[in-house]
Amino acid sequence: MVGRRGVGDDVDFQGPRPEDVDRRRERRSEMVVVFWFLVSTISTFVFVIMNFAGDSHKEYYTPVLGVSLALALFGVGIGIVHWAKRLMPDEEAVQEREPHFSRPEELEATEATFAKGFDELGFAKRPLLRRTLLMAGGALGLIGVVPILNFGKLVGRKAADFKRTAWATAPGEPPKRLVTQDGVPVRLGDVAGGGLLTVFPGVLKPGTTDQYEEPDLQAKGDSTVILIRLRADQAFKPKPGQEDWTVANHVAYSKICTHAGCPVSLYEQQTHHLLCPCHQSVFDVTDHARPIFGPAARPLPQLPLAVDEQGYFVARGDFSEPVGPSFWERG
């Protein structure tokens, strides 16, 4: 107790902790702290590995990410709290308020107290705790890197890269089929008159010739397409040189709005208008998705269509212009 006589006389002070007098209890508490630091480290690596190597379409993917992230954070927290409560020096004192200035000798005493407290934390005499804490803390730093790496191919891309999407094919490579979210290829006749279907570039599963993978995040980010079958009474006027870009009254446009990148997903078949729900831009499907209302200033890029020998829709090539907001093509 520090201060004048009588200050804190009514305070009940607790006795020494078991760890202060029993070496076995101290060692046991130290192992508890080490255990939680190791749990945090292992959980961090599980989170990172699952994020990059796990199948995001499986039911276990999100729960494993959530549980591993929680254990990574709580493991460090529980370990530090247990270390502080059981192993760090514990002193109870009551002190009356001091004047709001310090003499030189008091400053020196404070510095000495801090130095002594740092020594008593146990970093020097408990190397196992120190190493596991540093290991868990260093592993947690990986969690901060994961969101950056999740951008994948977008990291470091140049302006010219935005002119190429997953619909592009290498020389000699067959055109890519249009597939649904579940990886099912779309055949001529699957879309009713006045209907709409969201499709993606088909990527064959390794070792197969007719099974397609579900679209990845990269394909969803820049290659999502709306396939529309116009009604028989609705005429589409192609641009010169693009007469073969439509098939049996089917047209395909990028689903990414040219204003702010929102998904254009509302189609009114009577007026053949596409609506972006974010800022109410309206595009005329029969006039090359020309914007007729709202802030969008550029038509939706059109995807050239064809049908292969088996009757499935394929893309003749990539979009003729960059997809997404207009500012992407600047620079």
C-alpha atoms as a PDB file:
ATOM      1  CA  MET A   1       0.000   0.000   0.000  1.00  0.00           C
ATOM      2  CA  VAL A   2       1.316   3.431  -0.968  1.00  0.00           C
ATOM      3  CA  GLY A   3       0.136   6.746   0.473  1.00  0.00           C
ATOM      4  CA  ARG A   4      -0.861   8.164   3.846  1.00  0.00           C
ATOM      5  CA  ARG A   5      -1.756   6.050   6.804  1.00  0.00           C
ATOM      6  CA  GLY A   6      -5.296   4.820   6.595  1.00  0.00           C
ATOM      7  CA  VAL A   7      -5.661   4.976   2.812  1.00  0.00           C
ATOM      8  CA  GLY A   8      -6.989   1.659   1.640  1.00  0.00           C
ATOM      9  CA  ASP A   9      -7.516   0.271   5.135  1.00  0.00           C
ATOM     10  CA  ASP A  10     -10.933  -1.029   4.068  1.00  0.00           C
ATOM     11  CA  VAL A  11      -9.585  -2.928   1.031  1.00  0.00           C
ATOM     12  CA  ASP A  12      -9.372  -6.713   1.260  1.00  0.00           C
ATOM     13  CA  PHE A  13      -6.190  -7.921  -0.427  1.00  0.00           C
ATOM     14  CA  GLN A  14      -6.058 -11.399  -1.883  1.00  0.00           C
ATOM     15  CA  GLY A  15      -3.349 -13.821  -1.045  1.00  0.00           C
ATOM     16  CA  PRO A  16      -0.689 -15.186  -3.394  1.00  0.00           C
ATOM     17  CA  ARG A  17      -1.810 -17.110  -6.483  1.00  0.00           C
ATOM     18  CA  PRO A  18      -1.143 -20.857  -6.692  1.00  0.00           C
ATOM     19  CA  GLU A  19       1.353 -20.175  -9.488  1.00  0.00           C
ATOM     20  CA  ASP A  20       3.348 -17.907  -7.184  1.00  0.00           C
ATOM     21  CA  VAL A  21       4.072 -20.695  -4.688  1.00  0.00           C
ATOM     22  CA  ASP A  22       3.720 -23.927  -6.692  1.00  0.00           C
ATOM     23  CA  ARG A  23       6.175 -24.567  -9.508  1.00  0.00           C
ATOM     24  CA  ARG A  24       3.987 -27.301 -11.006  1.00  0.00           C
ATOM     25  CA  ARG A  25       0.992 -24.980 -11.192  1.00  0.00           C
ATOM     26  CA  GLU A  26       3.185 -22.345 -12.801  1.00  0.00           C
ATOM     27  CA  ARG A  27       4.415 -24.823 -15.393  1.00  0.00           C
ATOM     28  CA  ARG A  28       0.861 -25.993 -16.054  1.00  0.00           C
ATOM     29  CA  SER A  29      -0.333 -22.425 -16.662  1.00  0.00           C
ATOM     30  CA  GLU A  30       2.605 -21.856 -18.979  1.00  0.00           C
ATOM     31  CA  MET A  31       1.599 -24.878 -21.049  1.00  0.00           C
ATOM     32  CA  VAL A  32      -1.980 -23.558 -21.258  1.00  0.00           C
ATOM     33  CA  VAL A  33      -0.689 -20.314 -22.736  1.00  0.00           C
ATOM     34  CA  VAL A  34       1.547 -22.210 -25.178  1.00  0.00           C
ATOM     35  CA  PHE A  35      -1.429 -24.363 -26.195  1.00  0.00           C
ATOM     36  CA  TRP A  36      -3.572 -21.358 -27.140  1.00  0.00           C
ATOM     37  CA  PHE A  37      -0.733 -19.705 -29.041  1.00  0.00           C
ATOM     38  CA  LEU A  38      -0.275 -22.925 -31.022  1.00  0.00           C
ATOM     39  CA  VAL A  39      -4.036 -23.134 -31.658  1.00  0.00           C
ATOM     40  CA  SER A  40      -3.897 -19.599 -33.034  1.00  0.00           C
ATOM     41  CA  THR A  41      -0.934 -20.398 -35.281  1.00  0.00           C
ATOM     42  CA  ILE A  42      -2.437 -23.601 -36.683  1.00  0.00           C
ATOM     43  CA  SER A  43      -5.827 -21.936 -37.215  1.00  0.00           C
ATOM     44  CA  THR A  44      -4.191 -19.097 -39.129  1.00  0.00           C
ATOM     45  CA  PHE A  45      -2.537 -21.525 -41.541  1.00  0.00           C
ATOM     46  CA  VAL A  46      -5.816 -23.456 -41.910  1.00  0.00           C
ATOM     47  CA  PHE A  47      -7.576 -20.183 -42.807  1.00  0.00           C
ATOM     48  CA  VAL A  48      -4.965 -19.245 -45.415  1.00  0.00           C
ATOM     49  CA  ILE A  49      -4.814 -22.720 -46.974  1.00  0.00           C
ATOM     50  CA  MET A  50      -8.601 -23.065 -47.101  1.00  0.00           C
ATOM     51  CA  ASN A  51      -8.957 -19.595 -48.643  1.00  0.00           C
ATOM     52  CA  PHE A  52      -6.694 -20.430 -51.576  1.00  0.00           C
ATOM     53  CA  ALA A  53      -6.965 -24.215 -51.911  1.00  0.00           C
ATOM     54  CA  GLY A  54     -10.501 -24.931 -50.720  1.00  0.00           C
ATOM     55  CA  ASP A  55     -13.510 -25.304 -52.976  1.00  0.00           C
ATOM     56  CA  SER A  56     -15.684 -22.233 -52.379  1.00  0.00           C
ATOM     57  CA  HIS A  57     -18.732 -24.098 -53.702  1.00  0.00           C
ATOM     58  CA  LYS A  58     -18.596 -26.800 -51.031  1.00  0.00           C
ATOM     59  CA  GLU A  59     -20.668 -26.583 -47.870  1.00  0.00           C
ATOM     60  CA  TYR A  60     -17.625 -26.856 -45.600  1.00  0.00           C
ATOM     61  CA  TYR A  61     -15.789 -23.873 -47.146  1.00  0.00           C
ATOM     62  CA  THR A  62     -17.382 -20.922 -45.329  1.00  0.00           C
ATOM     63  CA  PRO A  63     -17.743 -22.647 -41.907  1.00  0.00           C
ATOM     64  CA  VAL A  64     -14.082 -23.702 -41.941  1.00  0.00           C
ATOM     65  CA  LEU A  65     -13.008 -20.172 -42.839  1.00  0.00           C
ATOM     66  CA  GLY A  66     -15.123 -18.696 -40.051  1.00  0.00           C
ATOM     67  CA  VAL A  67     -14.076 -21.166 -37.363  1.00  0.00           C
ATOM     68  CA  SER A  68     -10.377 -20.999 -38.239  1.00  0.00           C
ATOM     69  CA  LEU A  69     -10.389 -17.187 -38.265  1.00  0.00           C
ATOM     70  CA  ALA A  70     -12.186 -17.088 -34.908  1.00  0.00           C
ATOM     71  CA  LEU A  71      -9.719 -19.544 -33.346  1.00  0.00           C
ATOM     72  CA  ALA A  72      -6.767 -17.622 -34.788  1.00  0.00           C
ATOM     73  CA  LEU A  73      -7.908 -14.400 -33.121  1.00  0.00           C
ATOM     74  CA  PHE A  74      -9.311 -15.838 -29.912  1.00  0.00           C
ATOM     75  CA  GLY A  75      -6.305 -18.131 -29.445  1.00  0.00           C
ATOM     76  CA  VAL A  76      -3.924 -15.207 -29.157  1.00  0.00           C
ATOM     77  CA  GLY A  77      -6.366 -13.297 -26.962  1.00  0.00           C
ATOM     78  CA  ILE A  78      -7.022 -16.160 -24.549  1.00  0.00           C
ATOM     79  CA  GLY A  79      -3.311 -16.942 -24.336  1.00  0.00           C
ATOM     80  CA  ILE A  80      -2.366 -13.362 -23.507  1.00  0.00           C
ATOM     81  CA  VAL A  81      -5.158 -13.018 -20.934  1.00  0.00           C
ATOM     82  CA  HIS A  82      -4.174 -16.283 -19.233  1.00  0.00           C
ATOM     83  CA  TRP A  83      -0.527 -15.211 -19.232  1.00  0.00           C
ATOM     84  CA  ALA A  84      -1.424 -11.888 -17.620  1.00  0.00           C
ATOM     85  CA  LYS A  85      -3.702 -13.399 -14.964  1.00  0.00           C
ATOM     86  CA  ARG A  86      -1.584 -16.403 -14.008  1.00  0.00           C
ATOM     87  CA  LEU A  87       2.065 -15.696 -14.762  1.00  0.00           C
ATOM     88  CA  MET A  88       2.729 -11.967 -14.847  1.00  0.00           C
ATOM     89  CA  PRO A  89       3.570 -10.226 -11.534  1.00  0.00           C
ATOM     90  CA  ASP A  90       0.455  -9.398  -9.521  1.00  0.00           C
ATOM     91  CA  GLU A  91       0.507  -6.549  -7.050  1.00  0.00           C
ATOM     92  CA  GLU A  92      -2.379  -4.818  -5.318  1.00  0.00           C
ATOM     93  CA  ALA A  93      -1.878  -1.255  -4.129  1.00  0.00           C
ATOM     94  CA  VAL A  94      -3.941   1.778  -3.233  1.00  0.00           C
ATOM     95  CA  GLN A  95      -2.489   5.229  -3.792  1.00  0.00           C
ATOM     96  CA  GLU A  96      -4.011   8.657  -3.366  1.00  0.00           C
ATOM     97  CA  ARG A  97      -3.912  11.113  -6.253  1.00  0.00           C
ATOM     98  CA  GLU A  98      -0.523  12.782  -6.644  1.00  0.00           C
ATOM     99  CA  PRO A  99       0.104  16.384  -7.760  1.00  0.00           C
ATOM    100  CA  HIS A 100       0.114  16.890 -11.519  1.00  0.00           C
ATOM    101  CA  PHE A 101       3.865  17.275 -11.856  1.00  0.00           C
ATOM    102  CA  SER A 102       6.816  14.997 -11.331  1.00  0.00           C
ATOM    103  CA  ARG A 103      10.218  15.710  -9.888  1.00  0.00           C
ATOM    104  CA  PRO A 104      13.337  14.406 -11.698  1.00  0.00           C
ATOM    105  CA  GLU A 105      13.845  11.679  -9.146  1.00  0.00           C
ATOM    106  CA  GLU A 106      10.250  10.544  -9.637  1.00  0.00           C
ATOM    107  CA  LEU A 107      10.756  10.345 -13.401  1.00  0.00           C
ATOM    108  CA  GLU A 108      13.843   8.229 -12.867  1.00  0.00           C
ATOM    109  CA  ALA A 109      11.947   6.002 -10.476  1.00  0.00           C
ATOM    110  CA  THR A 110       9.138   5.604 -13.019  1.00  0.00           C
ATOM    111  CA  GLU A 111      11.562   4.631 -15.756  1.00  0.00           C
ATOM    112  CA  ALA A 112      13.158   2.118 -13.441  1.00  0.00           C
ATOM    113  CA  THR A 113       9.729   0.733 -12.569  1.00  0.00           C
ATOM    114  CA  PHE A 114       8.841   0.276 -16.242  1.00  0.00           C
ATOM    115  CA  ALA A 115      12.158  -1.402 -16.921  1.00  0.00           C
ATOM    116  CA  LYS A 116      11.636  -3.716 -13.971  1.00  0.00           C
ATOM    117  CA  GLY A 117       8.064  -4.464 -15.079  1.00  0.00           C
ATOM    118  CA  PHE A 118       9.241  -5.393 -18.548  1.00  0.00           C
ATOM    119  CA  ASP A 119      11.743  -7.798 -17.055  1.00  0.00           C
ATOM    120  CA  GLU A 120       9.053  -9.288 -14.847  1.00  0.00           C
ATOM    121  CA  LEU A 121       6.760  -9.950 -17.828  1.00  0.00           C
ATOM    122  CA  GLY A 122       8.773 -13.073 -18.372  1.00  0.00           C
ATOM    123  CA  PHE A 123       9.963 -12.568 -21.937  1.00  0.00           C
ATOM    124  CA  ALA A 124      13.528 -13.281 -20.888  1.00  0.00           C
ATOM    125  CA  LYS A 125      12.957 -16.162 -18.490  1.00  0.00           C
ATOM    126  CA  ARG A 126      10.096 -17.787 -20.441  1.00  0.00           C
ATOM    127  CA  PRO A 127      11.534 -18.384 -23.938  1.00  0.00           C
ATOM    128  CA  LEU A 128       8.844 -20.915 -24.862  1.00  0.00           C
ATOM    129  CA  LEU A 129       6.075 -18.391 -24.248  1.00  0.00           C
ATOM    130  CA  ARG A 130       8.004 -15.689 -26.067  1.00  0.00           C
ATOM    131  CA  ARG A 131       8.603 -17.840 -29.132  1.00  0.00           C
ATOM    132  CA  THR A 132       5.053 -19.137 -29.409  1.00  0.00           C
ATOM    133  CA  LEU A 133       3.649 -15.622 -28.964  1.00  0.00           C
ATOM    134  CA  LEU A 134       5.899 -14.282 -31.720  1.00  0.00           C
ATOM    135  CA  MET A 135       4.977 -17.253 -33.901  1.00  0.00           C
ATOM    136  CA  ALA A 136       1.228 -16.731 -33.380  1.00  0.00           C
ATOM    137  CA  GLY A 137       1.517 -12.969 -33.901  1.00  0.00           C
ATOM    138  CA  GLY A 138       3.546 -13.421 -37.064  1.00  0.00           C
ATOM    139  CA  ALA A 139       1.072 -15.960 -38.423  1.00  0.00           C
ATOM    140  CA  LEU A 140      -1.814 -13.570 -37.780  1.00  0.00           C
ATOM    141  CA  GLY A 141      -0.139 -11.133 -40.141  1.00  0.00           C
ATOM    142  CA  LEU A 142      -0.949 -13.547 -42.974  1.00  0.00           C
ATOM    143  CA  ILE A 143      -4.652 -12.883 -42.448  1.00  0.00           C
ATOM    144  CA  GLY A 144      -4.110  -9.256 -43.421  1.00  0.00           C
ATOM    145  CA  VAL A 145      -2.441 -10.336 -46.670  1.00  0.00           C
ATOM    146  CA  VAL A 146      -5.259 -12.688 -47.707  1.00  0.00           C
ATOM    147  CA  PRO A 147      -7.750  -9.962 -48.826  1.00  0.00           C
ATOM    148  CA  ILE A 148      -5.077  -8.426 -51.063  1.00  0.00           C
ATOM    149  CA  LEU A 149      -4.147 -11.744 -52.658  1.00  0.00           C
ATOM    150  CA  ASN A 150      -7.819 -12.571 -53.168  1.00  0.00           C
ATOM    151  CA  PHE A 151      -7.921  -9.961 -55.902  1.00  0.00           C
ATOM    152  CA  GLY A 152      -5.980 -12.552 -57.887  1.00  0.00           C
ATOM    153  CA  LYS A 153      -5.306 -11.492 -61.433  1.00  0.00           C
ATOM    154  CA  LEU A 154      -6.606  -7.981 -60.782  1.00  0.00           C
ATOM    155  CA  VAL A 155      -3.462  -7.182 -58.773  1.00  0.00           C
ATOM    156  CA  GLY A 156      -0.925  -5.517 -61.017  1.00  0.00           C
ATOM    157  CA  ARG A 157      -3.110  -5.512 -64.128  1.00  0.00           C
ATOM    158  CA  LYS A 158      -2.472  -2.824 -66.708  1.00  0.00           C
ATOM    159  CA  ALA A 159      -5.104  -0.775 -68.500  1.00  0.00           C
ATOM    160  CA  ALA A 160      -4.765  -2.955 -71.597  1.00  0.00           C
ATOM    161  CA  ASP A 161      -5.597  -6.059 -69.547  1.00  0.00           C
ATOM    162  CA  PHE A 162      -9.156  -4.838 -69.046  1.00  0.00           C
ATOM    163  CA  LYS A 163      -9.761  -5.157 -72.785  1.00  0.00           C
ATOM    164  CA  ARG A 164      -9.430  -8.938 -72.516  1.00  0.00           C
ATOM    165  CA  THR A 165     -11.827 -11.224 -70.635  1.00  0.00           C
ATOM    166  CA  ALA A 166     -12.199 -14.956 -70.101  1.00  0.00           C
ATOM    167  CA  TRP A 167     -14.083 -15.196 -73.417  1.00  0.00           C
ATOM    168  CA  ALA A 168     -10.846 -14.668 -75.346  1.00  0.00           C
ATOM    169  CA  THR A 169      -9.199 -17.762 -76.828  1.00  0.00           C
ATOM    170  CA  ALA A 170      -5.642 -18.508 -77.883  1.00  0.00           C
ATOM    171  CA  PRO A 171      -4.822 -19.221 -81.545  1.00  0.00           C
ATOM    172  CA  GLY A 172      -6.012 -22.720 -82.430  1.00  0.00           C
ATOM    173  CA  GLU A 173      -8.172 -23.003 -79.306  1.00  0.00           C
ATOM    174  CA  PRO A 174     -11.867 -23.823 -79.912  1.00  0.00           C
ATOM    175  CA  PRO A 175     -14.447 -21.135 -79.056  1.00  0.00           C
ATOM    176  CA  LYS A 176     -15.821 -21.230 -75.542  1.00  0.00           C
ATOM    177  CA  ARG A 177     -19.313 -22.463 -74.888  1.00  0.00           C
ATOM    178  CA  LEU A 178     -21.840 -20.473 -72.920  1.00  0.00           C
ATOM    179  CA  VAL A 179     -22.529 -22.236 -69.600  1.00  0.00           C
ATOM    180  CA  THR A 180     -24.788 -21.517 -66.641  1.00  0.00           C
ATOM    181  CA  GLN A 181     -23.801 -20.917 -63.042  1.00  0.00           C
ATOM    182  CA  ASP A 182     -23.788 -24.711 -62.521  1.00  0.00           C
ATOM    183  CA  GLY A 183     -21.495 -25.326 -65.491  1.00  0.00           C
ATOM    184  CA  VAL A 184     -24.283 -26.598 -67.795  1.00  0.00           C
ATOM    185  CA  PRO A 185     -23.772 -25.624 -71.459  1.00  0.00           C
ATOM    186  CA  VAL A 186     -26.634 -23.727 -73.115  1.00  0.00           C
ATOM    187  CA  ARG A 187     -28.152 -25.205 -76.256  1.00  0.00           C
ATOM    188  CA  LEU A 188     -30.105 -23.406 -78.946  1.00  0.00           C
ATOM    189  CA  GLY A 189     -33.743 -23.545 -77.837  1.00  0.00           C
ATOM    190  CA  ASP A 190     -33.071 -23.502 -74.087  1.00  0.00           C
ATOM    191  CA  VAL A 191     -34.178 -19.858 -73.800  1.00  0.00           C
ATOM    192  CA  ALA A 192     -37.828 -19.052 -74.495  1.00  0.00           C
ATOM    193  CA  GLY A 193     -38.858 -16.052 -76.572  1.00  0.00           C
ATOM    194  CA  GLY A 194     -38.544 -12.912 -74.468  1.00  0.00           C
ATOM    195  CA  GLY A 195     -36.456 -14.808 -71.928  1.00  0.00           C
ATOM    196  CA  LEU A 196     -33.104 -14.039 -70.361  1.00  0.00           C
ATOM    197  CA  LEU A 197     -30.280 -16.231 -69.036  1.00  0.00           C
ATOM    198  CA  THR A 198     -27.052 -15.325 -67.260  1.00  0.00           C
ATOM    199  CA  VAL A 199     -24.118 -17.253 -68.730  1.00  0.00           C
ATOM    200  CA  PHE A 200     -20.349 -17.561 -68.333  1.00  0.00           C
ATOM    201  CA  PRO A 201     -17.418 -18.812 -70.430  1.00  0.00           C
ATOM    202  CA  GLY A 202     -17.192 -22.597 -70.263  1.00  0.00           C
ATOM    203  CA  VAL A 203     -13.985 -24.111 -68.871  1.00  0.00           C
ATOM    204  CA  LEU A 204     -13.656 -27.888 -69.209  1.00  0.00           C
ATOM    205  CA  LYS A 205     -12.859 -29.923 -66.137  1.00  0.00           C
ATOM    206  CA  PRO A 206      -9.413 -31.553 -66.352  1.00  0.00           C
ATOM    207  CA  GLY A 207      -9.548 -34.894 -68.146  1.00  0.00           C
ATOM    208  CA  THR A 208     -13.072 -34.413 -69.535  1.00  0.00           C
ATOM    209  CA  THR A 209     -14.507 -33.372 -72.868  1.00  0.00           C
ATOM    210  CA  ASP A 210     -18.088 -32.491 -71.927  1.00  0.00           C
ATOM    211  CA  GLN A 211     -18.053 -31.472 -68.238  1.00  0.00           C
ATOM    212  CA  TYR A 212     -17.554 -27.852 -67.284  1.00  0.00           C
ATOM    213  CA  GLU A 213     -16.338 -26.263 -64.072  1.00  0.00           C
ATOM    214  CA  GLU A 214     -18.451 -23.759 -62.209  1.00  0.00           C
ATOM    215  CA  PRO A 215     -17.404 -20.174 -63.039  1.00  0.00           C
ATOM    216  CA  ASP A 216     -14.635 -18.791 -60.834  1.00  0.00           C
ATOM    217  CA  LEU A 217     -14.536 -15.306 -59.322  1.00  0.00           C
ATOM    218  CA  GLN A 218     -12.446 -13.941 -62.168  1.00  0.00           C
ATOM    219  CA  ALA A 219     -15.003 -15.028 -64.763  1.00  0.00           C
ATOM    220  CA  LYS A 220     -17.836 -13.618 -62.677  1.00  0.00           C
ATOM    221  CA  GLY A 221     -15.949 -10.354 -62.283  1.00  0.00           C
ATOM    222  CA  ASP A 222     -15.471  -9.429 -65.936  1.00  0.00           C
ATOM    223  CA  SER A 223     -17.059 -12.094 -68.157  1.00  0.00           C
ATOM    224  CA  THR A 224     -20.668 -12.413 -66.980  1.00  0.00           C
ATOM    225  CA  VAL A 225     -23.040 -12.212 -69.956  1.00  0.00           C
ATOM    226  CA  ILE A 226     -26.776 -11.860 -70.419  1.00  0.00           C
ATOM    227  CA  LEU A 227     -28.157 -14.096 -73.179  1.00  0.00           C
ATOM    228  CA  ILE A 228     -31.498 -12.768 -74.436  1.00  0.00           C
ATOM    229  CA  ARG A 229     -33.878 -14.271 -76.954  1.00  0.00           C
ATOM    230  CA  LEU A 230     -35.871 -11.514 -78.561  1.00  0.00           C
ATOM    231  CA  ARG A 231     -39.500 -12.145 -79.390  1.00  0.00           C
ATOM    232  CA  ALA A 232     -40.371 -12.965 -82.979  1.00  0.00           C
ATOM    233  CA  ASP A 233     -41.962  -9.523 -83.505  1.00  0.00           C
ATOM    234  CA  GLN A 234     -38.824  -7.699 -82.351  1.00  0.00           C
ATOM    235  CA  ALA A 235     -36.165  -6.966 -84.971  1.00  0.00           C
ATOM    236  CA  PHE A 236     -32.483  -6.491 -84.265  1.00  0.00           C
ATOM    237  CA  LYS A 237     -30.488  -4.303 -86.596  1.00  0.00           C
ATOM    238  CA  PRO A 238     -26.825  -5.375 -86.607  1.00  0.00           C
ATOM    239  CA  LYS A 239     -23.976  -2.982 -87.174  1.00  0.00           C
ATOM    240  CA  PRO A 240     -21.975  -3.248 -90.379  1.00  0.00           C
ATOM    241  CA  GLY A 241     -19.513  -6.099 -90.051  1.00  0.00           C
ATOM    242  CA  GLN A 242     -21.446  -7.627 -87.138  1.00  0.00           C
ATOM    243  CA  GLU A 243     -24.251  -9.282 -89.071  1.00  0.00           C
ATOM    244  CA  ASP A 244     -23.263 -12.751 -87.798  1.00  0.00           C
ATOM    245  CA  TRP A 245     -23.044 -11.776 -84.105  1.00  0.00           C
ATOM    246  CA  THR A 246     -26.609 -12.951 -83.373  1.00  0.00           C
ATOM    247  CA  VAL A 247     -28.165 -16.407 -83.728  1.00  0.00           C
ATOM    248  CA  ALA A 248     -31.905 -17.014 -84.251  1.00  0.00           C
ATOM    249  CA  ASN A 249     -32.874 -13.750 -82.545  1.00  0.00           C
ATOM    250  CA  HIS A 250     -30.479 -14.413 -79.638  1.00  0.00           C
ATOM    251  CA  VAL A 251     -28.196 -11.573 -78.539  1.00  0.00           C
ATOM    252  CA  ALA A 252     -25.610 -11.479 -75.777  1.00  0.00           C
ATOM    253  CA  TYR A 253     -24.340  -8.470 -73.813  1.00  0.00           C
ATOM    254  CA  SER A 254     -22.016  -7.897 -70.895  1.00  0.00           C
ATOM    255  CA  LYS A 255     -23.967  -7.880 -67.640  1.00  0.00           C
ATOM    256  CA  ILE A 256     -21.690  -5.204 -66.147  1.00  0.00           C
ATOM    257  CA  CYS A 257     -23.198  -1.736 -66.335  1.00  0.00           C
ATOM    258  CA  THR A 258     -21.024   0.825 -68.123  1.00  0.00           C
ATOM    259  CA  HIS A 259     -21.811   3.434 -65.470  1.00  0.00           C
ATOM    260  CA  ALA A 260     -20.601   2.009 -62.146  1.00  0.00           C
ATOM    261  CA  GLY A 261     -20.211  -1.722 -62.743  1.00  0.00           C
ATOM    262  CA  CYS A 262     -23.462  -2.922 -61.197  1.00  0.00           C
ATOM    263  CA  PRO A 263     -25.147  -6.066 -62.611  1.00  0.00           C
ATOM    264  CA  VAL A 264     -27.730  -5.247 -65.266  1.00  0.00           C
ATOM    265  CA  SER A 265     -30.356  -7.843 -64.528  1.00  0.00           C
ATOM    266  CA  LEU A 266     -33.897  -6.534 -65.131  1.00  0.00           C
ATOM    267  CA  TYR A 267     -35.375  -7.162 -68.584  1.00  0.00           C
ATOM    268  CA  GLU A 268     -38.729  -5.918 -69.820  1.00  0.00           C
ATOM    269  CA  GLN A 269     -39.545  -8.018 -72.885  1.00  0.00           C
ATOM    270  CA  GLN A 270     -42.436  -5.880 -74.182  1.00  0.00           C
ATOM    271  CA  THR A 271     -40.218  -2.791 -74.481  1.00  0.00           C
ATOM    272  CA  HIS A 272     -36.963  -4.791 -74.986  1.00  0.00           C
ATOM    273  CA  HIS A 273     -35.269  -2.653 -72.335  1.00  0.00           C
ATOM    274  CA  LEU A 274     -32.575  -3.696 -69.866  1.00  0.00           C
ATOM    275  CA  LEU A 275     -32.516  -1.883 -66.524  1.00  0.00           C
ATOM    276  CA  CYS A 276     -29.625  -1.441 -64.107  1.00  0.00           C
ATOM    277  CA  PRO A 277     -31.170  -1.451 -60.604  1.00  0.00           C
ATOM    278  CA  CYS A 278     -28.380   0.619 -59.020  1.00  0.00           C
ATOM    279  CA  HIS A 279     -28.812   3.945 -60.825  1.00  0.00           C
ATOM    280  CA  GLN A 280     -31.695   3.198 -63.222  1.00  0.00           C
ATOM    281  CA  SER A 281     -29.720   3.242 -66.469  1.00  0.00           C
ATOM    282  CA  VAL A 282     -31.840   1.770 -69.277  1.00  0.00           C
ATOM    283  CA  PHE A 283     -30.445   0.055 -72.397  1.00  0.00           C
ATOM    284  CA  ASP A 284     -32.241  -0.803 -75.629  1.00  0.00           C
ATOM    285  CA  VAL A 285     -31.511  -4.454 -76.445  1.00  0.00           C
ATOM    286  CA  THR A 286     -32.601  -4.192 -80.091  1.00  0.00           C
ATOM    287  CA  ASP A 287     -30.274  -1.223 -80.670  1.00  0.00           C
ATOM    288  CA  HIS A 288     -26.981  -2.751 -79.479  1.00  0.00           C
ATOM    289  CA  ALA A 289     -27.796  -2.020 -75.808  1.00  0.00           C
ATOM    290  CA  ARG A 290     -27.616   1.717 -76.397  1.00  0.00           C
ATOM    291  CA  PRO A 291     -28.298   3.708 -73.194  1.00  0.00           C
ATOM    292  CA  ILE A 292     -31.575   5.606 -73.490  1.00  0.00           C
ATOM    293  CA  PHE A 293     -31.970   6.752 -69.877  1.00  0.00           C
ATOM    294  CA  GLY A 294     -29.859   7.231 -66.788  1.00  0.00           C
ATOM    295  CA  PRO A 295     -26.198   8.049 -66.138  1.00  0.00           C
ATOM    296  CA  ALA A 296     -24.647   5.328 -68.327  1.00  0.00           C
ATOM    297  CA  ALA A 297     -22.974   6.943 -71.337  1.00  0.00           C
ATOM    298  CA  ARG A 298     -21.796   3.870 -73.254  1.00  0.00           C
ATOM    299  CA  PRO A 299     -23.636   0.820 -74.661  1.00  0.00           C
ATOM    300  CA  LEU A 300     -23.177  -2.583 -73.080  1.00  0.00           C
ATOM    301  CA  PRO A 301     -20.439  -4.479 -74.983  1.00  0.00           C
ATOM    302  CA  GLN A 302     -21.888  -7.172 -77.224  1.00  0.00           C
ATOM    303  CA  LEU A 303     -20.555 -10.732 -77.328  1.00  0.00           C
ATOM    304  CA  PRO A 304     -20.476 -12.313 -80.815  1.00  0.00           C
ATOM    305  CA  LEU A 305     -22.483 -15.555 -80.849  1.00  0.00           C
ATOM    306  CA  ALA A 306     -22.450 -18.767 -82.873  1.00  0.00           C
ATOM    307  CA  VAL A 307     -23.726 -22.336 -82.523  1.00  0.00           C
ATOM    308  CA  ASP A 308     -21.387 -25.329 -82.750  1.00  0.00           C
ATOM    309  CA  GLU A 309     -22.061 -28.657 -84.475  1.00  0.00           C
ATOM    310  CA  GLN A 310     -23.803 -30.046 -81.396  1.00  0.00           C
ATOM    311  CA  GLY A 311     -26.192 -27.116 -81.142  1.00  0.00           C
ATOM    312  CA  TYR A 312     -24.544 -25.364 -78.198  1.00  0.00           C
ATOM    313  CA  PHE A 313     -23.980 -21.618 -78.058  1.00  0.00           C
ATOM    314  CA  VAL A 314     -20.340 -20.519 -78.350  1.00  0.00           C
ATOM    315  CA  ALA A 315     -18.632 -17.145 -78.404  1.00  0.00           C
ATOM    316  CA  ARG A 316     -16.979 -16.237 -81.685  1.00  0.00           C
ATOM    317  CA  GLY A 317     -14.469 -14.181 -79.729  1.00  0.00           C
ATOM    318  CA  ASP A 318     -14.066 -11.660 -76.981  1.00  0.00           C
ATOM    319  CA  PHE A 319     -15.952  -8.394 -76.560  1.00  0.00           C
ATOM    320  CA  SER A 320     -14.999  -5.727 -79.087  1.00  0.00           C
ATOM    321  CA  GLU A 321     -14.499  -3.128 -76.346  1.00  0.00           C
ATOM    322  CA  PRO A 322     -13.717  -3.056 -72.600  1.00  0.00           C
ATOM    323  CA  VAL A 323     -16.450  -4.142 -70.236  1.00  0.00           C
ATOM    324  CA  GLY A 324     -17.600  -2.284 -67.180  1.00  0.00           C
ATOM    325  CA  PRO A 325     -17.480   1.417 -66.234  1.00  0.00           C
ATOM    326  CA  SER A 326     -16.194   3.768 -68.904  1.00  0.00           C
ATOM    327  CA  PHE A 327     -13.255   4.948 -66.817  1.00  0.00           C
ATOM    328  CA  TRP A 328     -11.629   1.506 -67.186  1.00  0.00           C
ATOM    329  CA  GLU A 329     -10.611   2.277 -70.778  1.00  0.00           C
ATOM    330  CA  ARG A 330      -8.920   5.550 -69.969  1.00  0.00           C
ATOM    331  CA  GLY A 331      -5.172   5.993 -69.688  1.00  0.00           C
END
